[in-house]
Amino acid sequence: MDYVRTGKVDWTGDNPPIYLKLDPAGDWSTLALFFRINASDYGRGHMTLVLEDPYSKIGVENPTRLCYTDNAPLARYLINDFVRKFGLFRPAGEALDALPIIDGAVFSVEADYPKHVTEIAIAGDNRVDMRWNDLQDMFAVAQPPRDSQTGMHEMFSIFQPAGSAAIILNGRQLPGQTVERDFFDRRTQSAALAHSETWIRAS
């Protein structure tokens, strides 16, 4: 048997999302991703990315759009080579083009597992909490390149859906809720932890 993948490992780490809607039948009101990268050509690091009104269709005044990181070159690489290719983010190009990358952020985690896991990013006087509540059973995914978001990578991950989730900026919870959606072979809320996610470029 072939136990070893011959492609290049571009990065490995965690990449949990939270996607919110104001109206379950409407557009996404907020798209958010957290990255904890354990190894890559750009080193190790973290990134919190939040795009409120990502497609500029809901009409939110002064939408929250932020990127906090402790490794700016890594953050730029993740945004340009991965986030822009993720399905829900492809129509958000204008928001990503104008997104300031704030380096020097400090990251921590608070958890009462499996009741909740909260990833915290602090940049200057600003704090963002991404919180996943009521964590459910984990399941494993192996996607071939033809099915992965980039179309060029084999992707492995352990997903753990959340029952609900929240994004909190300086004590204010962003409006919207997770919604039920198709997620691989099941129906889950639009937020999950993504443990040990690894992207291997096809050789």
N, C-alpha and C. Protein backbone atom coordinates (compact mmCIF):
# COMPACT_ATOMS: atom_id res chain seq x y z
N MET A 1 0.83 -1.20 0.00
CA MET A 1 0.00 0.00 0.00
C MET A 1 0.87 1.25 0.00
N ASP A 2 0.29 2.35 -0.54
CA ASP A 2 1.00 3.62 -0.61
C ASP A 2 0.63 4.44 0.62
N TYR A 3 1.52 4.44 1.61
CA TYR A 3 1.23 5.13 2.86
C TYR A 3 1.69 6.59 2.86
N VAL A 4 2.59 6.97 1.95
CA VAL A 4 3.21 8.29 1.98
C VAL A 4 2.70 9.14 0.81
N ARG A 5 2.23 10.36 1.12
CA ARG A 5 1.83 11.30 0.08
C ARG A 5 3.09 11.97 -0.47
N THR A 6 3.18 12.06 -1.80
CA THR A 6 4.39 12.59 -2.43
C THR A 6 4.31 14.10 -2.68
N GLY A 7 3.14 14.70 -2.54
CA GLY A 7 3.01 16.13 -2.78
C GLY A 7 3.65 16.96 -1.68
N LYS A 8 3.78 18.26 -1.92
CA LYS A 8 4.38 19.18 -0.97
C LYS A 8 3.35 19.62 0.07
N VAL A 9 3.68 19.53 1.34
CA VAL A 9 2.81 20.02 2.40
C VAL A 9 2.97 21.54 2.46
N ASP A 10 1.93 22.27 2.03
CA ASP A 10 2.01 23.73 2.04
C ASP A 10 1.78 24.30 3.44
N TRP A 11 0.84 23.72 4.18
CA TRP A 11 0.69 24.11 5.58
C TRP A 11 -0.13 23.09 6.34
N THR A 12 0.06 23.10 7.64
CA THR A 12 -0.73 22.24 8.51
C THR A 12 -1.03 23.00 9.79
N GLY A 13 -2.21 22.83 10.31
CA GLY A 13 -2.61 23.54 11.52
C GLY A 13 -4.11 23.41 11.74
N ASP A 14 -4.73 24.47 12.24
CA ASP A 14 -6.17 24.50 12.48
C ASP A 14 -6.77 25.66 11.68
N ASN A 15 -8.01 25.49 11.21
CA ASN A 15 -8.63 26.50 10.36
C ASN A 15 -10.14 26.52 10.56
N PRO A 16 -10.62 26.84 11.77
CA PRO A 16 -12.07 26.79 12.01
C PRO A 16 -12.81 28.01 11.49
N PRO A 17 -13.99 27.81 10.88
CA PRO A 17 -14.80 28.91 10.38
C PRO A 17 -16.01 29.20 11.26
N ILE A 18 -16.51 30.43 11.14
CA ILE A 18 -17.84 30.81 11.62
C ILE A 18 -18.49 31.64 10.52
N TYR A 19 -19.65 31.19 10.05
CA TYR A 19 -20.39 31.91 9.00
C TYR A 19 -21.78 32.24 9.54
N LEU A 20 -22.16 33.52 9.47
CA LEU A 20 -23.40 34.00 10.06
C LEU A 20 -24.33 34.59 9.01
N LYS A 21 -25.64 34.52 9.31
CA LYS A 21 -26.65 35.17 8.49
C LYS A 21 -27.63 35.93 9.37
N LEU A 22 -28.09 37.09 8.88
CA LEU A 22 -29.19 37.80 9.53
C LEU A 22 -30.51 37.15 9.18
N ASP A 23 -30.63 36.71 7.94
CA ASP A 23 -31.83 36.07 7.42
C ASP A 23 -31.41 34.71 6.87
N PRO A 24 -31.95 33.61 7.39
CA PRO A 24 -31.53 32.29 6.90
C PRO A 24 -31.66 32.13 5.39
N ALA A 25 -32.57 32.88 4.77
CA ALA A 25 -32.76 32.78 3.32
C ALA A 25 -31.94 33.81 2.55
N GLY A 26 -31.21 34.67 3.26
CA GLY A 26 -30.49 35.75 2.59
C GLY A 26 -29.01 35.46 2.43
N ASP A 27 -28.27 36.51 2.07
CA ASP A 27 -26.82 36.39 1.90
C ASP A 27 -26.15 36.23 3.26
N TRP A 28 -24.92 35.76 3.24
CA TRP A 28 -24.13 35.69 4.46
C TRP A 28 -23.86 37.10 4.96
N SER A 29 -24.07 37.32 6.25
CA SER A 29 -23.84 38.64 6.83
C SER A 29 -22.42 38.79 7.35
N THR A 30 -21.79 37.69 7.79
CA THR A 30 -20.40 37.72 8.26
C THR A 30 -19.72 36.40 7.95
N LEU A 31 -18.53 36.48 7.41
CA LEU A 31 -17.66 35.33 7.20
C LEU A 31 -16.42 35.53 8.05
N ALA A 32 -16.05 34.52 8.83
CA ALA A 32 -14.88 34.64 9.70
C ALA A 32 -14.11 33.33 9.71
N LEU A 33 -12.79 33.46 9.74
CA LEU A 33 -11.89 32.31 9.79
C LEU A 33 -10.82 32.56 10.84
N PHE A 34 -10.41 31.49 11.49
CA PHE A 34 -9.25 31.54 12.38
C PHE A 34 -8.23 30.54 11.87
N PHE A 35 -6.97 30.92 11.86
CA PHE A 35 -5.88 30.03 11.47
C PHE A 35 -4.88 29.91 12.61
N ARG A 36 -4.50 28.70 12.92
CA ARG A 36 -3.34 28.43 13.76
C ARG A 36 -2.42 27.53 12.94
N ILE A 37 -1.37 28.10 12.38
CA ILE A 37 -0.49 27.36 11.48
C ILE A 37 0.70 26.84 12.27
N ASN A 38 0.87 25.54 12.23
CA ASN A 38 1.98 24.91 12.96
C ASN A 38 3.23 24.78 12.12
N ALA A 39 3.08 24.75 10.79
CA ALA A 39 4.24 24.64 9.92
C ALA A 39 3.85 25.08 8.51
N SER A 40 4.74 25.87 7.88
CA SER A 40 4.55 26.31 6.49
C SER A 40 5.86 26.90 6.02
N ASP A 41 5.95 27.23 4.73
CA ASP A 41 7.14 27.91 4.23
C ASP A 41 7.28 29.31 4.81
N TYR A 42 6.20 29.85 5.38
CA TYR A 42 6.23 31.18 5.99
C TYR A 42 6.30 31.08 7.52
N GLY A 43 6.61 29.92 8.01
CA GLY A 43 6.75 29.73 9.44
C GLY A 43 5.43 29.43 10.13
N ARG A 44 5.43 29.66 11.44
CA ARG A 44 4.26 29.43 12.27
C ARG A 44 3.54 30.75 12.50
N GLY A 45 2.28 30.66 12.89
CA GLY A 45 1.57 31.90 13.19
C GLY A 45 0.08 31.71 13.29
N HIS A 46 -0.60 32.85 13.58
CA HIS A 46 -2.04 32.87 13.74
C HIS A 46 -2.63 33.98 12.86
N MET A 47 -3.91 33.82 12.55
CA MET A 47 -4.64 34.89 11.86
C MET A 47 -6.11 34.77 12.20
N THR A 48 -6.71 35.91 12.56
CA THR A 48 -8.16 36.03 12.69
C THR A 48 -8.64 36.95 11.59
N LEU A 49 -9.60 36.47 10.80
CA LEU A 49 -10.12 37.21 9.65
C LEU A 49 -11.63 37.32 9.80
N VAL A 50 -12.16 38.53 9.78
CA VAL A 50 -13.60 38.77 9.90
C VAL A 50 -14.04 39.72 8.80
N LEU A 51 -15.03 39.31 8.03
CA LEU A 51 -15.62 40.15 6.98
C LEU A 51 -17.11 40.26 7.24
N GLU A 52 -17.55 41.41 7.75
CA GLU A 52 -18.98 41.67 7.89
C GLU A 52 -19.48 42.25 6.56
N ASP A 53 -20.69 41.85 6.15
CA ASP A 53 -21.24 42.23 4.84
C ASP A 53 -20.18 41.98 3.76
N PRO A 54 -19.74 40.73 3.62
CA PRO A 54 -18.59 40.44 2.75
C PRO A 54 -18.82 40.76 1.28
N TYR A 55 -20.08 40.75 0.83
CA TYR A 55 -20.36 40.99 -0.58
C TYR A 55 -20.94 42.40 -0.82
N SER A 56 -20.97 43.22 0.23
CA SER A 56 -21.49 44.59 0.14
C SER A 56 -22.91 44.61 -0.43
N LYS A 57 -23.74 43.66 0.03
CA LYS A 57 -25.11 43.57 -0.45
C LYS A 57 -26.14 43.84 0.62
N ILE A 58 -25.72 43.75 1.89
CA ILE A 58 -26.69 43.88 2.98
C ILE A 58 -26.86 45.34 3.38
N GLY A 59 -25.86 46.15 3.10
CA GLY A 59 -25.95 47.57 3.40
C GLY A 59 -25.58 47.92 4.82
N VAL A 60 -24.67 47.14 5.43
CA VAL A 60 -24.21 47.44 6.78
C VAL A 60 -23.35 48.70 6.73
N GLU A 61 -23.63 49.64 7.61
CA GLU A 61 -22.85 50.86 7.67
C GLU A 61 -21.54 50.60 8.41
N ASN A 62 -20.44 50.96 7.80
CA ASN A 62 -19.11 50.73 8.39
C ASN A 62 -18.94 49.28 8.85
N PRO A 63 -19.03 48.33 7.94
CA PRO A 63 -18.94 46.93 8.33
C PRO A 63 -17.58 46.60 8.93
N THR A 64 -17.59 45.67 9.86
CA THR A 64 -16.35 45.19 10.48
C THR A 64 -15.62 44.30 9.50
N ARG A 65 -14.43 44.71 9.13
CA ARG A 65 -13.58 43.90 8.24
C ARG A 65 -12.17 44.00 8.77
N LEU A 66 -11.67 42.92 9.32
CA LEU A 66 -10.38 42.98 10.00
C LEU A 66 -9.58 41.71 9.78
N CYS A 67 -8.27 41.88 9.89
CA CYS A 67 -7.33 40.77 9.83
C CYS A 67 -6.24 41.04 10.86
N TYR A 68 -6.21 40.25 11.91
CA TYR A 68 -5.19 40.35 12.95
C TYR A 68 -4.28 39.13 12.85
N THR A 69 -2.98 39.36 12.98
CA THR A 69 -2.03 38.27 12.82
C THR A 69 -0.78 38.55 13.65
N ASP A 70 0.03 37.52 13.84
CA ASP A 70 1.36 37.67 14.42
C ASP A 70 2.45 37.28 13.43
N ASN A 71 2.06 37.16 12.15
CA ASN A 71 3.00 36.81 11.09
C ASN A 71 2.40 37.33 9.78
N ALA A 72 2.70 38.58 9.43
CA ALA A 72 2.06 39.22 8.28
C ALA A 72 2.35 38.51 6.96
N PRO A 73 3.60 38.08 6.67
CA PRO A 73 3.81 37.36 5.41
C PRO A 73 2.97 36.08 5.31
N LEU A 74 2.83 35.37 6.43
CA LEU A 74 1.99 34.18 6.44
C LEU A 74 0.53 34.55 6.18
N ALA A 75 0.05 35.61 6.80
CA ALA A 75 -1.33 36.03 6.60
C ALA A 75 -1.60 36.38 5.14
N ARG A 76 -0.68 37.12 4.51
CA ARG A 76 -0.87 37.47 3.09
C ARG A 76 -0.91 36.21 2.23
N TYR A 77 -0.04 35.29 2.53
CA TYR A 77 -0.01 34.02 1.78
C TYR A 77 -1.33 33.27 1.94
N LEU A 78 -1.83 33.15 3.14
CA LEU A 78 -3.08 32.43 3.38
C LEU A 78 -4.24 33.09 2.67
N ILE A 79 -4.30 34.44 2.72
CA ILE A 79 -5.39 35.15 2.06
C ILE A 79 -5.32 34.97 0.55
N ASN A 80 -4.15 35.19 -0.03
CA ASN A 80 -4.04 35.20 -1.49
C ASN A 80 -4.09 33.81 -2.10
N ASP A 81 -3.51 32.83 -1.43
CA ASP A 81 -3.40 31.50 -2.03
C ASP A 81 -4.47 30.53 -1.56
N PHE A 82 -5.20 30.88 -0.50
CA PHE A 82 -6.21 29.97 0.02
C PHE A 82 -7.56 30.65 0.22
N VAL A 83 -7.63 31.67 1.07
CA VAL A 83 -8.93 32.26 1.40
C VAL A 83 -9.67 32.72 0.15
N ARG A 84 -8.97 33.39 -0.76
CA ARG A 84 -9.62 33.87 -1.98
C ARG A 84 -10.20 32.73 -2.83
N LYS A 85 -9.71 31.53 -2.61
CA LYS A 85 -10.18 30.38 -3.39
C LYS A 85 -11.26 29.58 -2.67
N PHE A 86 -11.49 29.89 -1.39
CA PHE A 86 -12.56 29.22 -0.65
C PHE A 86 -13.90 29.69 -1.20
N GLY A 87 -14.84 28.76 -1.37
CA GLY A 87 -16.07 29.04 -2.09
C GLY A 87 -16.82 30.28 -1.64
N LEU A 88 -17.06 30.44 -0.34
CA LEU A 88 -17.84 31.58 0.13
C LEU A 88 -17.09 32.89 0.03
N PHE A 89 -15.76 32.83 -0.06
CA PHE A 89 -14.95 34.05 -0.12
C PHE A 89 -14.65 34.50 -1.54
N ARG A 90 -14.91 33.66 -2.53
CA ARG A 90 -14.61 34.05 -3.90
C ARG A 90 -15.35 35.32 -4.33
N PRO A 91 -16.62 35.50 -3.94
CA PRO A 91 -17.30 36.74 -4.33
C PRO A 91 -16.93 37.94 -3.45
N ALA A 92 -16.05 37.75 -2.46
CA ALA A 92 -15.69 38.81 -1.53
C ALA A 92 -14.35 39.45 -1.88
N GLY A 93 -13.98 39.42 -3.14
CA GLY A 93 -12.68 39.92 -3.56
C GLY A 93 -12.45 41.39 -3.22
N GLU A 94 -13.47 42.24 -3.41
CA GLU A 94 -13.30 43.67 -3.12
C GLU A 94 -13.04 43.90 -1.63
N ALA A 95 -13.74 43.17 -0.79
CA ALA A 95 -13.53 43.31 0.65
C ALA A 95 -12.13 42.84 1.04
N LEU A 96 -11.66 41.76 0.43
CA LEU A 96 -10.32 41.26 0.72
C LEU A 96 -9.25 42.20 0.17
N ASP A 97 -9.51 42.82 -0.99
CA ASP A 97 -8.54 43.75 -1.57
C ASP A 97 -8.28 44.93 -0.63
N ALA A 98 -9.32 45.39 0.06
CA ALA A 98 -9.22 46.57 0.91
C ALA A 98 -8.90 46.23 2.36
N LEU A 99 -8.65 44.97 2.64
CA LEU A 99 -8.50 44.53 4.03
C LEU A 99 -7.12 44.89 4.57
N PRO A 100 -7.05 45.68 5.65
CA PRO A 100 -5.75 45.95 6.28
C PRO A 100 -5.31 44.75 7.10
N ILE A 101 -4.03 44.40 7.00
CA ILE A 101 -3.47 43.31 7.80
C ILE A 101 -2.74 43.93 8.98
N ILE A 102 -3.23 43.69 10.17
CA ILE A 102 -2.66 44.25 11.39
C ILE A 102 -1.76 43.21 12.04
N ASP A 103 -0.45 43.49 12.04
CA ASP A 103 0.52 42.56 12.60
C ASP A 103 0.71 42.85 14.09
N GLY A 104 1.40 41.94 14.77
CA GLY A 104 1.72 42.13 16.17
C GLY A 104 0.61 41.76 17.13
N ALA A 105 -0.43 41.07 16.65
CA ALA A 105 -1.53 40.67 17.53
C ALA A 105 -1.07 39.57 18.49
N VAL A 106 -1.78 39.47 19.59
CA VAL A 106 -1.51 38.45 20.59
C VAL A 106 -2.71 37.51 20.65
N PHE A 107 -2.44 36.23 20.65
CA PHE A 107 -3.50 35.23 20.55
C PHE A 107 -3.51 34.34 21.79
N SER A 108 -4.71 33.94 22.18
CA SER A 108 -4.89 33.01 23.29
C SER A 108 -6.18 32.25 23.08
N VAL A 109 -6.40 31.24 23.91
CA VAL A 109 -7.61 30.43 23.80
C VAL A 109 -8.19 30.21 25.19
N GLU A 110 -9.51 30.25 25.27
CA GLU A 110 -10.23 29.89 26.48
C GLU A 110 -11.20 28.77 26.11
N ALA A 111 -11.32 27.78 26.96
CA ALA A 111 -12.17 26.65 26.61
C ALA A 111 -12.74 25.98 27.85
N ASP A 112 -13.97 25.55 27.71
CA ASP A 112 -14.61 24.61 28.64
C ASP A 112 -15.16 23.50 27.76
N TYR A 113 -14.24 22.69 27.28
CA TYR A 113 -14.54 21.72 26.23
C TYR A 113 -15.38 20.58 26.81
N PRO A 114 -16.45 20.14 26.12
CA PRO A 114 -16.91 20.54 24.78
C PRO A 114 -17.99 21.63 24.79
N LYS A 115 -18.17 22.31 25.94
CA LYS A 115 -19.20 23.36 25.98
C LYS A 115 -18.86 24.51 25.06
N HIS A 116 -17.60 24.92 25.07
CA HIS A 116 -17.20 25.98 24.15
C HIS A 116 -15.69 25.99 24.01
N VAL A 117 -15.24 26.53 22.87
CA VAL A 117 -13.84 26.89 22.63
C VAL A 117 -13.86 28.31 22.07
N THR A 118 -13.05 29.20 22.65
CA THR A 118 -13.00 30.60 22.22
C THR A 118 -11.57 30.98 21.86
N GLU A 119 -11.37 31.37 20.61
CA GLU A 119 -10.08 31.85 20.14
C GLU A 119 -10.09 33.38 20.23
N ILE A 120 -9.08 33.94 20.90
CA ILE A 120 -9.03 35.37 21.20
C ILE A 120 -7.84 36.01 20.48
N ALA A 121 -8.09 37.13 19.84
CA ALA A 121 -7.03 37.92 19.20
C ALA A 121 -7.10 39.34 19.73
N ILE A 122 -5.97 39.85 20.22
CA ILE A 122 -5.90 41.21 20.74
C ILE A 122 -4.86 41.98 19.94
N ALA A 123 -5.30 43.09 19.34
CA ALA A 123 -4.42 43.97 18.56
C ALA A 123 -4.60 45.38 19.07
N GLY A 124 -3.60 45.89 19.80
CA GLY A 124 -3.75 47.21 20.41
C GLY A 124 -4.88 47.20 21.43
N ASP A 125 -5.83 48.11 21.24
CA ASP A 125 -6.98 48.20 22.15
C ASP A 125 -8.16 47.36 21.70
N ASN A 126 -8.00 46.62 20.64
CA ASN A 126 -9.11 45.86 20.07
C ASN A 126 -8.98 44.37 20.38
N ARG A 127 -10.11 43.76 20.66
CA ARG A 127 -10.15 42.33 20.97
C ARG A 127 -11.28 41.67 20.18
N VAL A 128 -10.95 40.55 19.56
CA VAL A 128 -11.94 39.75 18.84
C VAL A 128 -11.97 38.36 19.46
N ASP A 129 -13.18 37.92 19.81
CA ASP A 129 -13.40 36.56 20.28
C ASP A 129 -14.20 35.81 19.23
N MET A 130 -13.70 34.65 18.83
CA MET A 130 -14.47 33.72 18.00
C MET A 130 -14.80 32.52 18.88
N ARG A 131 -16.10 32.27 19.08
CA ARG A 131 -16.55 31.28 20.06
C ARG A 131 -17.42 30.22 19.39
N TRP A 132 -17.04 28.98 19.58
CA TRP A 132 -17.80 27.83 19.09
C TRP A 132 -18.43 27.14 20.30
N ASN A 133 -19.76 26.98 20.27
CA ASN A 133 -20.49 26.42 21.40
C ASN A 133 -21.03 25.02 21.09
N ASP A 134 -21.20 24.23 22.15
CA ASP A 134 -21.88 22.93 22.05
C ASP A 134 -21.26 22.06 20.96
N LEU A 135 -19.99 21.75 21.16
CA LEU A 135 -19.25 20.99 20.15
C LEU A 135 -19.77 19.56 20.07
N GLN A 136 -19.84 19.07 18.83
CA GLN A 136 -20.44 17.78 18.55
C GLN A 136 -19.36 16.76 18.20
N ASP A 137 -19.78 15.61 17.70
CA ASP A 137 -18.83 14.54 17.39
C ASP A 137 -17.91 14.95 16.25
N MET A 138 -16.65 14.55 16.35
CA MET A 138 -15.68 14.81 15.30
C MET A 138 -15.86 13.80 14.15
N PHE A 139 -15.46 14.22 12.95
CA PHE A 139 -15.40 13.30 11.83
C PHE A 139 -14.24 13.70 10.93
N ALA A 140 -13.71 12.74 10.22
CA ALA A 140 -12.51 12.95 9.41
C ALA A 140 -12.87 13.10 7.94
N VAL A 141 -12.11 13.97 7.26
CA VAL A 141 -12.33 14.23 5.84
C VAL A 141 -11.00 14.14 5.10
N ALA A 142 -11.03 13.50 3.94
CA ALA A 142 -9.89 13.47 3.02
C ALA A 142 -10.43 13.85 1.64
N GLN A 143 -10.04 15.02 1.15
CA GLN A 143 -10.52 15.52 -0.13
C GLN A 143 -9.44 15.43 -1.18
N PRO A 144 -9.71 14.82 -2.33
CA PRO A 144 -8.74 14.85 -3.42
C PRO A 144 -8.68 16.23 -4.05
N PRO A 145 -7.63 16.55 -4.78
CA PRO A 145 -7.50 17.90 -5.36
C PRO A 145 -8.70 18.33 -6.19
N ARG A 146 -9.30 17.41 -6.93
CA ARG A 146 -10.41 17.81 -7.80
C ARG A 146 -11.61 18.33 -7.01
N ASP A 147 -11.72 17.96 -5.74
CA ASP A 147 -12.84 18.39 -4.92
C ASP A 147 -12.48 19.46 -3.90
N SER A 148 -11.20 19.76 -3.73
CA SER A 148 -10.80 20.71 -2.70
C SER A 148 -11.06 22.14 -3.16
N GLN A 149 -11.04 23.07 -2.23
CA GLN A 149 -11.37 24.45 -2.53
C GLN A 149 -10.38 25.10 -3.50
N THR A 150 -9.13 24.71 -3.46
CA THR A 150 -8.15 25.30 -4.37
C THR A 150 -8.08 24.57 -5.70
N GLY A 151 -8.53 23.32 -5.73
CA GLY A 151 -8.41 22.51 -6.93
C GLY A 151 -7.01 22.00 -7.20
N MET A 152 -6.07 22.32 -6.30
CA MET A 152 -4.68 21.94 -6.48
C MET A 152 -4.12 21.14 -5.31
N HIS A 153 -4.90 21.02 -4.24
CA HIS A 153 -4.39 20.41 -3.01
C HIS A 153 -5.26 19.23 -2.59
N GLU A 154 -4.60 18.25 -2.04
CA GLU A 154 -5.29 17.23 -1.26
C GLU A 154 -5.43 17.79 0.15
N MET A 155 -6.65 17.72 0.71
CA MET A 155 -6.90 18.32 2.01
C MET A 155 -7.37 17.27 2.99
N PHE A 156 -6.74 17.27 4.15
CA PHE A 156 -7.14 16.38 5.25
C PHE A 156 -7.52 17.24 6.44
N SER A 157 -8.59 16.87 7.15
CA SER A 157 -8.96 17.62 8.34
C SER A 157 -9.84 16.77 9.23
N ILE A 158 -9.87 17.14 10.52
CA ILE A 158 -10.82 16.60 11.47
C ILE A 158 -11.77 17.74 11.83
N PHE A 159 -13.04 17.59 11.41
CA PHE A 159 -14.03 18.63 11.67
C PHE A 159 -14.86 18.27 12.89
N GLN A 160 -15.23 19.31 13.64
CA GLN A 160 -16.08 19.15 14.81
C GLN A 160 -17.13 20.24 14.78
N PRO A 161 -18.33 19.93 14.27
CA PRO A 161 -19.36 20.96 14.16
C PRO A 161 -19.75 21.54 15.52
N ALA A 162 -20.16 22.81 15.48
CA ALA A 162 -20.66 23.48 16.67
C ALA A 162 -22.18 23.61 16.59
N GLY A 163 -22.84 23.62 17.76
CA GLY A 163 -24.28 23.84 17.78
C GLY A 163 -24.65 25.27 17.51
N SER A 164 -23.75 26.19 17.86
CA SER A 164 -23.92 27.62 17.58
C SER A 164 -22.56 28.28 17.70
N ALA A 165 -22.48 29.55 17.32
CA ALA A 165 -21.20 30.25 17.36
C ALA A 165 -21.44 31.75 17.43
N ALA A 166 -20.41 32.48 17.84
CA ALA A 166 -20.52 33.94 17.94
C ALA A 166 -19.18 34.58 17.65
N ILE A 167 -19.24 35.82 17.15
CA ILE A 167 -18.06 36.65 16.94
C ILE A 167 -18.27 37.93 17.75
N ILE A 168 -17.34 38.23 18.63
CA ILE A 168 -17.50 39.34 19.56
C ILE A 168 -16.32 40.29 19.39
N LEU A 169 -16.62 41.55 19.07
CA LEU A 169 -15.60 42.58 18.88
C LEU A 169 -15.73 43.61 19.99
N ASN A 170 -14.70 43.69 20.82
CA ASN A 170 -14.70 44.66 21.92
C ASN A 170 -15.98 44.60 22.74
N GLY A 171 -16.41 43.38 23.03
CA GLY A 171 -17.58 43.17 23.87
C GLY A 171 -18.91 43.22 23.14
N ARG A 172 -18.90 43.57 21.86
CA ARG A 172 -20.15 43.65 21.08
C ARG A 172 -20.24 42.45 20.16
N GLN A 173 -21.31 41.69 20.31
CA GLN A 173 -21.49 40.52 19.45
C GLN A 173 -21.99 40.96 18.08
N LEU A 174 -21.32 40.53 17.03
CA LEU A 174 -21.78 40.86 15.69
C LEU A 174 -23.13 40.20 15.43
N PRO A 175 -24.03 40.90 14.75
CA PRO A 175 -25.36 40.34 14.51
C PRO A 175 -25.30 39.15 13.56
N GLY A 176 -26.30 38.29 13.71
CA GLY A 176 -26.39 37.10 12.85
C GLY A 176 -26.25 35.82 13.64
N GLN A 177 -26.67 34.75 13.00
CA GLN A 177 -26.61 33.43 13.61
C GLN A 177 -26.10 32.42 12.59
N THR A 178 -25.59 31.32 13.10
CA THR A 178 -25.27 30.22 12.20
C THR A 178 -26.57 29.64 11.64
N VAL A 179 -26.45 28.98 10.51
CA VAL A 179 -27.61 28.35 9.87
C VAL A 179 -27.25 26.91 9.51
N GLU A 180 -28.25 26.08 9.41
CA GLU A 180 -28.00 24.69 9.02
C GLU A 180 -27.69 24.64 7.53
N ARG A 181 -26.71 23.82 7.19
CA ARG A 181 -26.31 23.70 5.79
C ARG A 181 -25.75 22.31 5.54
N ASP A 182 -25.61 21.96 4.26
CA ASP A 182 -24.93 20.73 3.89
C ASP A 182 -23.44 20.88 4.15
N PHE A 183 -22.86 19.91 4.83
CA PHE A 183 -21.43 19.95 5.14
C PHE A 183 -20.88 18.55 4.98
N PHE A 184 -20.24 18.31 3.84
CA PHE A 184 -19.79 16.99 3.44
C PHE A 184 -20.98 16.04 3.43
N ASP A 185 -21.02 15.00 4.24
CA ASP A 185 -22.08 14.01 4.12
C ASP A 185 -23.18 14.18 5.16
N ARG A 186 -23.31 15.41 5.72
CA ARG A 186 -24.28 15.61 6.80
C ARG A 186 -24.78 17.06 6.80
N ARG A 187 -25.77 17.30 7.66
CA ARG A 187 -26.28 18.64 7.88
C ARG A 187 -25.76 19.13 9.22
N THR A 188 -25.14 20.32 9.22
CA THR A 188 -24.62 20.91 10.44
C THR A 188 -24.85 22.41 10.42
N GLN A 189 -24.61 23.05 11.55
CA GLN A 189 -24.59 24.50 11.60
C GLN A 189 -23.34 25.02 10.88
N SER A 190 -23.38 26.29 10.49
CA SER A 190 -22.32 26.87 9.65
C SER A 190 -21.15 27.38 10.50
N ALA A 191 -20.69 26.53 11.41
CA ALA A 191 -19.51 26.81 12.23
C ALA A 191 -18.97 25.48 12.72
N ALA A 192 -17.66 25.36 12.72
CA ALA A 192 -17.05 24.11 13.15
C ALA A 192 -15.60 24.37 13.51
N LEU A 193 -15.08 23.56 14.42
CA LEU A 193 -13.64 23.50 14.60
C LEU A 193 -13.06 22.65 13.47
N ALA A 194 -11.86 22.98 13.06
CA ALA A 194 -11.16 22.21 12.02
C ALA A 194 -9.77 21.90 12.56
N HIS A 195 -9.64 20.70 13.11
CA HIS A 195 -8.41 20.29 13.76
C HIS A 195 -7.44 19.66 12.76
N SER A 196 -6.16 19.91 12.95
CA SER A 196 -5.12 19.19 12.20
C SER A 196 -5.36 19.25 10.69
N GLU A 197 -5.75 20.43 10.22
CA GLU A 197 -6.02 20.58 8.78
C GLU A 197 -4.68 20.68 8.03
N THR A 198 -4.60 19.96 6.94
CA THR A 198 -3.34 19.87 6.19
C THR A 198 -3.65 19.95 4.70
N TRP A 199 -2.92 20.83 4.01
CA TRP A 199 -3.08 21.02 2.57
C TRP A 199 -1.81 20.58 1.86
N ILE A 200 -1.97 19.58 1.00
CA ILE A 200 -0.84 18.96 0.30
C ILE A 200 -0.99 19.25 -1.19
N ARG A 201 -0.05 19.98 -1.74
CA ARG A 201 -0.10 20.31 -3.16
C ARG A 201 0.14 19.07 -4.00
N ALA A 202 -0.74 18.82 -4.93
CA ALA A 202 -0.63 17.63 -5.75
C ALA A 202 0.65 17.67 -6.58
N SER A 203 1.34 16.55 -6.60
CA SER A 203 2.59 16.48 -7.36
C SER A 203 2.34 16.09 -8.81
